[in-house]
Amino acid sequence: MPHQDIHLRGTVRDLFAHRFTLETDQGLLLADLTPEGQGLISLACGDSIAIAGERKPSEIKVRQLTRGETTIEIAPKPKPEPKPGKHDGPEAQADPARAVDAVRQAGFEPDGAPRRKPKHFEIDAAKDGRRFEMHVTFAGEVRHAKPLLGVD
């Protein structure tokens, strides 16, 4: 189910910390107020409310809640910055020529163009009359020389 914006009215039926069930004309739905939203308003079973938010497969992420004359807005949490990983920095610079040079420095003769994969290049190469599929990191390190069987 694609995520969609939704506006509903109903009655709070059950409370589970910052989540609650809302009885609507569409049936009983689970809504997530978030801990931040829970700190802005105190709900009770039987409250008549209106909510707006994003419908997800398992629940509704509430962005606005109105009870009587009181309306609260719940700002979505910002997405965290991606953590630096092994594929950041110089390794993220995928240079096919660097990969070919690494294969040659390892004593293999490249045969064909490098094929880029998400984390490495694959290069067909030969050494001592045998053929291999070479896996070379974006940093130019040969990680694996896989023999190609049945290929002469």
Protein backbone atom coordinates (compact mmCIF):
# COMPACT_ATOMS: atom_id res chain seq x y z
CA MET A 1 0.00 0.00 0.00
CA PRO A 2 1.53 3.36 -0.93
CA HIS A 3 1.79 5.91 1.85
CA GLN A 4 -0.89 8.57 1.62
CA ASP A 5 -2.09 11.64 3.52
CA ILE A 6 -5.27 10.97 5.44
CA HIS A 7 -7.79 13.01 7.49
CA LEU A 8 -10.11 11.17 9.91
CA ARG A 9 -12.59 11.80 12.72
CA GLY A 10 -13.36 9.28 15.38
CA THR A 11 -13.35 8.23 19.01
CA VAL A 12 -10.29 7.12 20.98
CA ARG A 13 -10.94 3.53 22.01
CA ASP A 14 -7.68 2.23 23.51
CA LEU A 15 -4.40 3.86 24.58
CA PHE A 16 -0.95 2.24 24.34
CA ALA A 17 1.69 4.79 25.45
CA HIS A 18 1.99 7.11 22.43
CA ARG A 19 -0.21 4.94 20.19
CA PHE A 20 -3.97 4.65 20.29
CA THR A 21 -6.82 3.03 18.41
CA LEU A 22 -9.33 5.30 16.74
CA GLU A 23 -12.83 4.05 16.00
CA THR A 24 -13.91 5.58 12.66
CA ASP A 25 -16.42 4.92 9.92
CA GLN A 26 -13.59 2.92 8.26
CA GLY A 27 -13.23 0.68 11.30
CA LEU A 28 -10.71 0.55 14.11
CA LEU A 29 -7.34 2.07 13.14
CA LEU A 30 -4.02 2.26 14.96
CA ALA A 31 -2.51 5.76 15.19
CA ASP A 32 0.96 6.83 16.35
CA LEU A 33 1.09 10.17 18.15
CA THR A 34 4.88 9.85 18.80
CA PRO A 35 6.36 10.48 22.24
CA GLU A 36 6.73 14.17 21.36
CA GLY A 37 3.04 14.43 20.44
CA GLN A 38 2.03 12.57 23.59
CA GLY A 39 3.78 15.30 25.57
CA LEU A 40 1.65 17.98 23.87
CA ILE A 41 -1.81 16.57 24.65
CA SER A 42 -3.30 14.09 27.07
CA LEU A 43 -5.81 11.72 25.48
CA ALA A 44 -8.39 9.57 27.23
CA CYS A 45 -10.58 6.71 26.06
CA GLY A 46 -13.82 8.14 24.67
CA ASP A 47 -12.28 11.42 23.41
CA SER A 48 -13.76 12.59 20.11
CA ILE A 49 -10.89 13.77 17.90
CA ALA A 50 -9.86 14.56 14.34
CA ILE A 51 -6.44 13.57 13.03
CA ALA A 52 -4.39 14.21 9.92
CA GLY A 53 -1.26 12.33 9.02
CA GLU A 54 0.39 9.75 6.83
CA ARG A 55 -1.23 6.36 6.42
CA LYS A 56 1.35 3.59 6.49
CA PRO A 57 0.64 -0.13 6.11
CA SER A 58 0.42 -0.75 9.86
CA GLU A 59 -0.63 2.60 11.33
CA ILE A 60 -1.28 6.29 10.83
CA LYS A 61 1.58 8.64 11.71
CA VAL A 62 -0.30 11.57 13.24
CA ARG A 63 0.93 15.04 12.19
CA GLN A 64 -2.07 17.03 13.47
CA LEU A 65 -4.64 16.24 16.15
CA THR A 66 -7.70 18.28 17.13
CA ARG A 67 -9.77 17.69 20.26
CA GLY A 68 -12.48 20.30 20.86
CA GLU A 69 -10.84 23.72 20.48
CA THR A 70 -7.30 22.37 20.92
CA THR A 71 -5.16 21.56 17.89
CA ILE A 72 -1.59 20.30 18.10
CA GLU A 73 0.95 19.97 15.30
CA ILE A 74 3.55 17.21 15.49
CA ALA A 75 6.63 17.86 13.39
CA PRO A 76 8.12 14.73 11.85
CA LYS A 77 11.56 13.84 13.14
CA PRO A 78 14.30 14.81 10.72
CA LYS A 79 16.01 11.89 9.05
CA PRO A 80 19.42 11.23 10.64
CA GLU A 81 22.53 12.03 8.68
CA PRO A 82 24.01 8.91 7.11
CA LYS A 83 26.87 7.49 9.15
CA PRO A 84 30.26 7.53 7.50
CA GLY A 85 31.01 4.09 6.18
CA LYS A 86 33.58 2.17 4.28
CA HIS A 87 32.10 3.38 0.98
CA ASP A 88 32.54 7.07 1.75
CA GLY A 89 35.55 9.21 1.07
CA PRO A 90 38.18 8.00 -1.40
CA GLU A 91 36.55 4.57 -1.73
CA ALA A 92 33.37 6.19 -3.01
CA GLN A 93 35.31 7.47 -6.02
CA ALA A 94 34.77 4.53 -8.34
CA ASP A 95 37.45 4.80 -11.02
CA PRO A 96 37.45 1.92 -13.53
CA ALA A 97 40.99 2.76 -14.68
CA ARG A 98 42.22 2.41 -11.11
CA ALA A 99 40.58 -1.04 -10.91
CA VAL A 100 42.22 -2.16 -14.18
CA ASP A 101 45.61 -0.94 -12.89
CA ALA A 102 45.13 -2.93 -9.67
CA VAL A 103 44.43 -6.09 -11.69
CA ARG A 104 47.62 -5.55 -13.72
CA GLN A 105 49.68 -4.88 -10.58
CA ALA A 106 48.42 -8.21 -9.18
CA GLY A 107 49.94 -9.96 -12.22
CA PHE A 108 46.74 -10.51 -14.23
CA GLU A 109 45.95 -9.32 -17.75
CA PRO A 110 42.51 -7.66 -17.93
CA ASP A 111 40.18 -8.89 -20.67
CA GLY A 112 37.23 -6.61 -21.31
CA ALA A 113 35.74 -3.59 -19.61
CA PRO A 114 35.21 -3.38 -15.84
CA ARG A 115 31.63 -4.02 -14.70
CA ARG A 116 30.56 -1.73 -11.86
CA LYS A 117 28.71 -3.31 -8.96
CA PRO A 118 27.38 -1.46 -5.88
CA LYS A 119 30.55 -2.09 -3.83
CA HIS A 120 33.23 -3.12 -6.33
CA PHE A 121 34.22 -3.65 -9.95
CA GLU A 122 34.28 -7.06 -11.62
CA ILE A 123 36.91 -7.55 -14.31
CA ASP A 124 37.60 -10.67 -16.37
CA ALA A 125 41.34 -11.35 -16.45
CA ALA A 126 43.87 -14.05 -17.30
CA LYS A 127 47.02 -15.32 -15.60
CA ASP A 128 49.20 -18.31 -16.52
CA GLY A 129 46.66 -19.48 -19.11
CA ARG A 130 43.75 -19.50 -16.63
CA ARG A 131 40.81 -17.08 -16.59
CA PHE A 132 39.47 -15.31 -13.51
CA GLU A 133 36.75 -12.92 -12.48
CA MET A 134 38.48 -10.26 -10.39
CA HIS A 135 36.66 -8.27 -7.69
CA VAL A 136 38.33 -4.91 -7.10
CA THR A 137 37.20 -2.35 -4.49
CA PHE A 138 36.64 1.27 -5.45
CA ALA A 139 39.86 2.03 -3.54
CA GLY A 140 41.78 -0.16 -6.01
CA GLU A 141 42.29 -3.23 -3.81
CA VAL A 142 41.94 -6.69 -5.38
CA ARG A 143 39.62 -8.54 -3.00
CA HIS A 144 38.91 -11.76 -4.86
CA ALA A 145 40.14 -13.73 -7.88
CA LYS A 146 37.39 -16.19 -8.75
CA PRO A 147 38.46 -18.90 -11.24
CA LEU A 148 36.17 -19.14 -14.26
CA LEU A 149 35.63 -22.87 -14.71
CA GLY A 150 35.09 -24.39 -18.12
CA VAL A 151 36.44 -21.32 -19.90
CA ASP A 152 39.62 -21.69 -21.94
